C-alpha cells in the first residue's frame, strides 16, 4: 500500500473511531471506556523487517540474539566488540529497534558494543502477558531488564518516547542504572499522553475517566506513577541519576516538548536540545540530533558515573 493510501485509510479509521466514541460518550460511556482501554494498550502491527530496515536506512547487520523475559523471547541484534562498554537502544510504544538505527554507527565509532531489541509484543519479539500486540510500560521495562540480564549493565542507554519511561521504570524497579542517557521525545507526563490520545479519537470526559480507572485495574498502579518527573526526582534524591541529553522537537504532536523542558530543568546534569520541524519520529534520524549526541558523549566521557 502506498504512503498516500495508508494515510487515507488511517484518516478514515480515525474518523470512524471519533464518531463511535462520540456516540458512546452520550449513550454507553462504560462500553466506550472498554474500547478505549483496548486501543490504549494496543501497539499495532509493525511493518515487515525489510521495510523497518529500509526506513531506518540501516542494512541489517550485527548478530541476532534472544533474551528470556518471564519465558517469552525478546529478540534483537548486537553490534561491535564483546568486551566494549555496552550501549542499549530502547524504542517507544508501537516501535521497533531499527527506528534508532541512526545511532548505531555513531556508537560503534565511539567504541561501544550496541544492543538493540524489540520489546515484548513489538517487532520480532514474542507475545507478552496481554497477547501478541498489546503490552504495558512495566512489561517493556521487563524486556529491557531481560536484555541487561543477557548482556550486562549498560554504560549508555538511548531511548525514544515511551521507551524513556520504560528505562526510568527499570531503573526504579530493577535497579538498572546506565551511566549516560540520551532521551529522544520522552513521554514525560501520562496526563499529557492521555489528553493526546483522547483528542485524537474524540474521547469525552466520561469515557476518559473510565479509561483511567481501567488502566489502574489492569496495571495495578495509578497513571501518575509513570510520570517521568517524579521518577527522576526520586532517583536524583537517591543519588543515582545519570547525565542525560534530552532531545525534543517543538512540533512533536505525540509528546510534549514543554514537559521535556521541565524535566531537563529538574534533572541535574542534563542537557536539553529543542529542534524544529522534525516531529516525533524524524527526530530519531536527524543528522543534527546524532551530532548533538556525539558532542554529549564526548563532553561526558570523563565525568564520573553517579552510583548508590
Protein backbone atom coordinates (compact mmCIF):
# COMPACT_ATOMS: atom_id res chain seq x y z
CA UNK A 1 0.00 0.00 0.00
CA UNK A 2 1.38 3.41 -0.92
CA UNK A 3 2.06 6.05 1.74
CA UNK A 4 -0.78 8.18 0.35
CA UNK A 5 -3.27 5.30 0.50
CA UNK A 6 -2.09 4.39 4.00
CA UNK A 7 -2.73 7.95 5.16
CA UNK A 8 -6.22 7.91 3.64
CA UNK A 9 -7.02 4.61 5.37
CA UNK A 10 -5.72 5.86 8.74
CA UNK A 11 -7.70 9.08 8.45
CA UNK A 12 -10.88 7.16 7.64
CA UNK A 13 -10.33 4.82 10.59
CA UNK A 14 -9.73 7.76 12.93
CA UNK A 15 -12.89 9.48 11.70
CA UNK A 16 -14.90 6.31 12.34
CA UNK A 17 -13.48 6.00 15.85
CA UNK A 18 -14.21 9.65 16.65
CA UNK A 19 -17.81 9.12 15.58
CA UNK A 20 -18.04 5.91 17.63
CA UNK A 21 -16.60 7.49 20.77
CA UNK A 22 -18.89 10.50 20.38
CA UNK A 23 -21.91 8.20 20.40
CA UNK A 24 -20.60 6.09 23.28
CA UNK A 25 -19.88 9.17 25.39
CA UNK A 26 -23.58 10.02 25.19
CA UNK A 27 -25.12 6.56 25.44
CA UNK A 28 -22.68 4.00 26.91
CA UNK A 29 -19.52 5.50 28.44
CA UNK A 30 -18.60 2.22 30.16
CA UNK A 31 -18.53 0.47 26.79
CA UNK A 32 -16.55 3.40 25.40
CA UNK A 33 -14.00 3.03 28.22
CA UNK A 34 -13.65 -0.67 27.40
CA UNK A 35 -12.94 0.12 23.76
CA UNK A 36 -10.54 2.93 24.74
CA UNK A 37 -8.67 0.53 27.04
CA UNK A 38 -8.20 -1.97 24.23
CA UNK A 39 -6.87 0.73 21.92
CA UNK A 40 -4.68 2.33 24.60
CA UNK A 41 -2.77 -0.89 25.31
CA UNK A 42 -2.51 -1.89 21.65
CA UNK A 43 0.87 -1.47 19.93
CA UNK A 44 -0.32 -2.14 16.37
CA UNK A 45 1.32 -4.28 13.72
CA UNK A 46 4.83 -3.30 12.62
CA UNK A 47 6.00 -3.10 9.01
CA UNK A 48 7.93 -6.07 7.66
CA UNK A 49 11.50 -6.49 8.89
CA UNK A 50 12.81 -5.47 5.47
CA UNK A 51 10.66 -2.34 5.49
CA UNK A 52 11.80 -1.47 9.01
CA UNK A 53 15.41 -1.67 7.89
CA UNK A 54 14.72 0.36 4.76
CA UNK A 55 13.01 3.13 6.70
CA UNK A 56 15.93 3.32 9.11
CA UNK A 57 18.48 3.43 6.29
CA UNK A 58 20.32 0.67 8.11
CA UNK A 59 21.46 -2.50 6.43
CA UNK A 60 20.62 -5.47 8.65
CA UNK A 61 23.86 -6.35 10.38
CA UNK A 62 25.09 -7.46 13.74
CA UNK A 63 24.38 -10.80 15.37
CA UNK A 64 20.85 -11.94 16.23
CA UNK A 65 20.13 -12.83 19.86
CA UNK A 66 17.25 -13.88 22.07
CA UNK A 67 16.80 -12.99 25.73
CA UNK A 68 14.25 -14.50 28.08
CA UNK A 69 11.63 -12.30 29.77
CA UNK A 70 9.48 -14.49 32.04
CA UNK A 71 9.55 -17.28 29.47
CA UNK A 72 8.85 -15.06 26.46
CA UNK A 73 11.50 -14.31 23.82
CA UNK A 74 12.92 -10.79 23.45
CA UNK A 75 14.74 -10.65 20.11
CA UNK A 76 17.29 -8.21 18.83
CA UNK A 77 20.75 -7.73 17.39
CA UNK A 78 24.13 -6.96 18.88
CA UNK A 79 26.88 -5.00 17.14
CA UNK A 80 30.55 -4.49 17.97
CA UNK A 81 33.25 -5.86 20.23
CA UNK A 82 32.11 -8.19 23.01
CA UNK A 83 34.42 -6.52 25.57
CA UNK A 84 33.43 -2.92 24.73
CA UNK A 85 31.21 -0.80 27.02
CA UNK A 86 27.55 -1.55 26.42
CA UNK A 87 25.01 0.78 24.81
CA UNK A 88 21.35 -0.25 24.63
CA UNK A 89 18.77 1.14 22.20
CA UNK A 90 15.21 1.26 23.55
CA UNK A 91 12.33 2.00 21.16
CA UNK A 92 8.99 3.57 22.07
CA UNK A 93 5.41 2.34 22.16
CA UNK A 94 4.50 0.55 18.95
CA UNK A 95 8.08 0.96 17.72
CA UNK A 96 10.96 -1.28 16.73
CA UNK A 97 14.70 -1.18 17.26
CA UNK A 98 15.56 -0.07 13.70
CA UNK A 99 13.99 3.32 14.43
CA UNK A 100 17.11 4.09 16.45
CA UNK A 101 19.40 2.74 13.74
CA UNK A 102 20.97 6.15 13.05
CA UNK A 103 22.75 5.89 16.40
CA UNK A 104 24.43 2.56 15.65
CA UNK A 105 27.33 3.90 13.50
CA UNK A 106 27.99 6.71 16.00
CA UNK A 107 28.10 4.34 18.96
CA UNK A 108 30.32 1.83 17.19
CA UNK A 109 32.65 4.69 16.20
CA UNK A 110 32.77 5.78 19.86
CA UNK A 111 33.79 2.28 20.94
CA UNK A 112 30.53 0.87 22.27
CA UNK A 113 29.03 -2.54 21.87
CA UNK A 114 25.45 -1.83 20.74
CA UNK A 115 22.49 -3.96 21.76
CA UNK A 116 19.18 -3.21 20.03
CA UNK A 117 15.98 -5.13 20.72
CA UNK A 118 12.24 -5.25 20.23
CA UNK A 119 10.24 -5.23 23.46
CA UNK A 120 7.69 -7.99 24.03
CA UNK A 121 4.64 -7.64 21.72
CA UNK A 122 6.74 -5.47 19.38
CA UNK A 123 8.63 -6.20 16.19
CA UNK A 124 10.20 -9.65 16.10
CA UNK A 125 9.82 -10.43 19.81
CA UNK A 126 7.28 -12.76 21.32
CA UNK A 127 3.88 -12.08 22.83
CA UNK A 128 3.60 -10.53 26.25
CA UNK A 129 1.10 -11.22 29.02
CA UNK A 130 -1.61 -9.27 27.15
CA UNK A 131 -1.06 -11.00 23.82
CA UNK A 132 0.83 -10.55 20.57
CA UNK A 133 0.21 -6.82 20.03
CA UNK A 134 -0.62 -5.43 23.45
CA UNK A 135 1.60 -4.52 26.39
CA UNK A 136 2.27 -2.20 29.35
CA UNK A 137 5.18 0.02 30.39
CA UNK A 138 6.23 -2.40 33.18
CA UNK A 139 6.38 -5.19 30.59
CA UNK A 140 8.50 -3.01 28.29
CA UNK A 141 10.79 -2.44 31.28
CA UNK A 142 10.94 -6.20 31.87
CA UNK A 143 12.05 -6.65 28.24
CA UNK A 144 14.85 -4.14 28.81
CA UNK A 145 15.79 -5.89 32.07
CA UNK A 146 15.94 -9.24 30.25
CA UNK A 147 18.42 -7.77 27.76
CA UNK A 148 20.52 -6.39 30.63
CA UNK A 149 20.47 -9.83 32.28
CA UNK A 150 21.74 -11.26 28.99
CA UNK A 151 24.50 -8.73 28.27
CA UNK A 152 25.24 -6.85 31.48
CA UNK A 153 24.64 -3.34 32.78
CA UNK A 154 24.61 -0.61 30.11
CA UNK A 155 27.09 2.22 30.15
CA UNK A 156 24.74 4.17 27.87
CA UNK A 157 21.06 3.94 27.03
CA UNK A 158 19.44 5.69 24.07
CA UNK A 159 15.63 5.68 24.32
CA UNK A 160 12.66 7.11 22.46
CA UNK A 161 9.22 8.27 23.63
CA UNK A 162 7.58 5.73 25.95
CA UNK A 163 10.85 3.79 25.89
CA UNK A 164 12.25 6.59 28.06
CA UNK A 165 9.57 5.79 30.64
CA UNK A 166 10.37 2.09 30.49
CA UNK A 167 14.05 2.88 31.14
CA UNK A 168 13.14 5.03 34.17
CA UNK A 169 10.79 2.30 35.40
CA UNK A 170 13.53 -0.32 35.00
CA UNK A 171 15.89 1.89 37.00
CA UNK A 172 13.34 2.18 39.81
CA UNK A 173 12.03 -1.40 39.80
CA UNK A 174 15.03 -3.40 38.53
CA UNK A 175 17.95 -1.26 39.69
CA UNK A 176 19.34 -0.76 36.18
CA UNK A 177 21.39 2.45 36.29
CA UNK A 178 23.01 3.48 32.98
CA UNK A 179 25.96 5.86 33.29
CA UNK A 180 24.69 8.07 30.44
CA UNK A 181 21.31 8.52 28.80
CA UNK A 182 20.10 10.04 25.55
CA UNK A 183 16.33 10.52 25.72
CA UNK A 184 14.57 11.48 22.49
CA UNK A 185 10.99 12.82 22.63
CA UNK A 186 10.33 11.38 26.10
CA UNK A 187 6.73 10.81 27.16
CA UNK A 188 7.23 12.85 30.31
CA UNK A 189 3.64 13.09 31.56
CA UNK A 190 0.94 10.43 31.46
CA UNK A 191 -1.84 13.00 31.66
CA UNK A 192 -0.45 14.59 28.53
CA UNK A 193 -0.39 11.24 26.74
CA UNK A 194 -4.00 10.53 27.73
CA UNK A 195 -5.01 14.01 26.56
CA UNK A 196 -3.33 13.45 23.18
CA UNK A 197 -4.98 10.02 22.85
CA UNK A 198 -8.41 11.38 23.84
CA UNK A 199 -8.19 14.36 21.50
CA UNK A 200 -7.13 12.23 18.54
CA UNK A 201 -10.06 9.84 18.99
CA UNK A 202 -12.70 12.29 20.17
CA UNK A 203 -12.95 10.70 23.61
CA UNK A 204 -15.14 12.67 26.02
CA UNK A 205 -14.72 13.16 29.79
CA UNK A 206 -16.88 10.22 30.89
CA UNK A 207 -15.09 7.72 28.65
CA UNK A 208 -11.72 9.25 29.58
CA UNK A 209 -12.44 8.80 33.31
CA UNK A 210 -13.44 5.19 32.67
CA UNK A 211 -10.25 4.59 30.71
CA UNK A 212 -8.13 5.83 33.61
CA UNK A 213 -10.00 3.53 36.02
CA UNK A 214 -9.48 0.56 33.73
CA UNK A 215 -5.78 1.44 33.37
CA UNK A 216 -5.34 1.26 37.14
CA UNK A 217 -7.14 -2.08 37.33
CA UNK A 218 -5.03 -3.58 34.56
CA UNK A 219 -1.60 -2.27 35.54
CA UNK A 220 -2.11 -2.12 39.29
CA UNK A 221 -0.62 1.38 39.52
CA UNK A 222 -2.08 4.85 39.12
CA UNK A 223 -1.25 6.74 35.94
CA UNK A 224 0.88 9.30 37.76
CA UNK A 225 3.32 6.58 38.87
CA UNK A 226 4.61 6.64 35.29
CA UNK A 227 5.26 10.38 35.11
CA UNK A 228 8.94 10.92 34.42
CA UNK A 229 9.39 13.99 36.61
CA UNK A 230 8.67 12.30 39.98
CA UNK A 231 10.58 9.20 38.86
CA UNK A 232 13.59 11.36 38.05
CA UNK A 233 13.29 13.34 41.28
CA UNK A 234 13.22 10.11 43.31
CA UNK A 235 16.27 8.70 41.52
CA UNK A 236 18.09 12.01 41.90
CA UNK A 237 17.34 12.07 45.64
CA UNK A 238 18.74 8.53 45.84
CA UNK A 239 21.95 9.76 44.20
CA UNK A 240 21.85 7.52 41.16
CA UNK A 241 20.81 9.67 38.23
CA UNK A 242 22.95 9.62 35.08
CA UNK A 243 23.89 12.64 32.99
CA UNK A 244 21.38 12.92 30.16
CA UNK A 245 20.83 14.57 26.82
CA UNK A 246 17.11 15.26 26.37
CA UNK A 247 16.05 15.94 22.78
CA UNK A 248 12.59 17.10 21.74
CA UNK A 249 11.07 18.73 18.69
CA UNK A 250 8.85 21.71 19.30
CA UNK A 251 6.41 20.43 16.65
CA UNK A 252 6.02 17.00 18.28
CA UNK A 253 2.29 16.21 18.26
CA UNK A 254 2.64 13.00 20.29
CA UNK A 255 4.69 14.01 23.34
CA UNK A 256 5.28 17.43 24.89
CA UNK A 257 8.43 19.48 24.35
CA UNK A 258 7.35 21.75 27.21
CA UNK A 259 7.27 18.76 29.55
CA UNK A 260 10.78 17.82 28.42
CA UNK A 261 11.94 21.34 29.21
CA UNK A 262 10.55 20.98 32.75
CA UNK A 263 12.20 17.57 33.03
CA UNK A 264 15.59 18.97 32.00
CA UNK A 265 15.24 21.81 34.49
CA UNK A 266 14.71 19.33 37.33
CA UNK A 267 17.37 16.86 36.14
CA UNK A 268 20.78 17.85 37.46
CA UNK A 269 23.47 17.10 34.88
CA UNK A 270 21.11 17.07 31.92
CA UNK A 271 21.24 18.99 28.66
CA UNK A 272 18.21 19.98 26.58
CA UNK A 273 18.14 20.20 22.79
CA UNK A 274 14.98 21.55 21.17
CA UNK A 275 14.62 21.10 17.42
CA UNK A 276 12.15 22.46 14.88
CA UNK A 277 10.10 20.72 12.19
CA UNK A 278 11.17 17.12 12.87
CA UNK A 279 8.11 15.86 14.72
CA UNK A 280 8.04 12.74 16.88
CA UNK A 281 9.93 10.21 14.72
CA UNK A 282 12.07 12.01 12.15
CA UNK A 283 13.99 13.47 15.08
CA UNK A 284 15.48 9.99 15.57
CA UNK A 285 17.29 10.02 12.25
CA UNK A 286 18.23 13.68 12.00
CA UNK A 287 21.95 14.26 11.42
CA UNK A 288 21.93 17.27 13.75
CA UNK A 289 20.50 15.19 16.60
CA UNK A 290 23.09 12.46 16.06
CA UNK A 291 25.81 15.14 16.04
CA UNK A 292 24.44 16.52 19.32
CA UNK A 293 24.60 13.03 20.81
CA UNK A 294 28.22 12.78 19.69
CA UNK A 295 29.07 16.07 21.41
CA UNK A 296 27.26 14.97 24.57
CA UNK A 297 29.12 11.65 24.70
CA UNK A 298 32.45 13.37 24.16
CA UNK A 299 31.71 16.03 26.80
CA UNK A 300 30.68 13.48 29.44
CA UNK A 301 33.25 10.79 28.61
CA UNK A 302 35.35 11.55 31.69
CA UNK A 303 32.52 12.52 34.04
CA UNK A 304 32.28 10.01 36.90
CA UNK A 305 29.13 7.93 36.96
CA UNK A 306 26.62 8.51 39.74
CA UNK A 307 26.02 5.38 41.81
CA UNK A 308 24.43 4.46 45.11
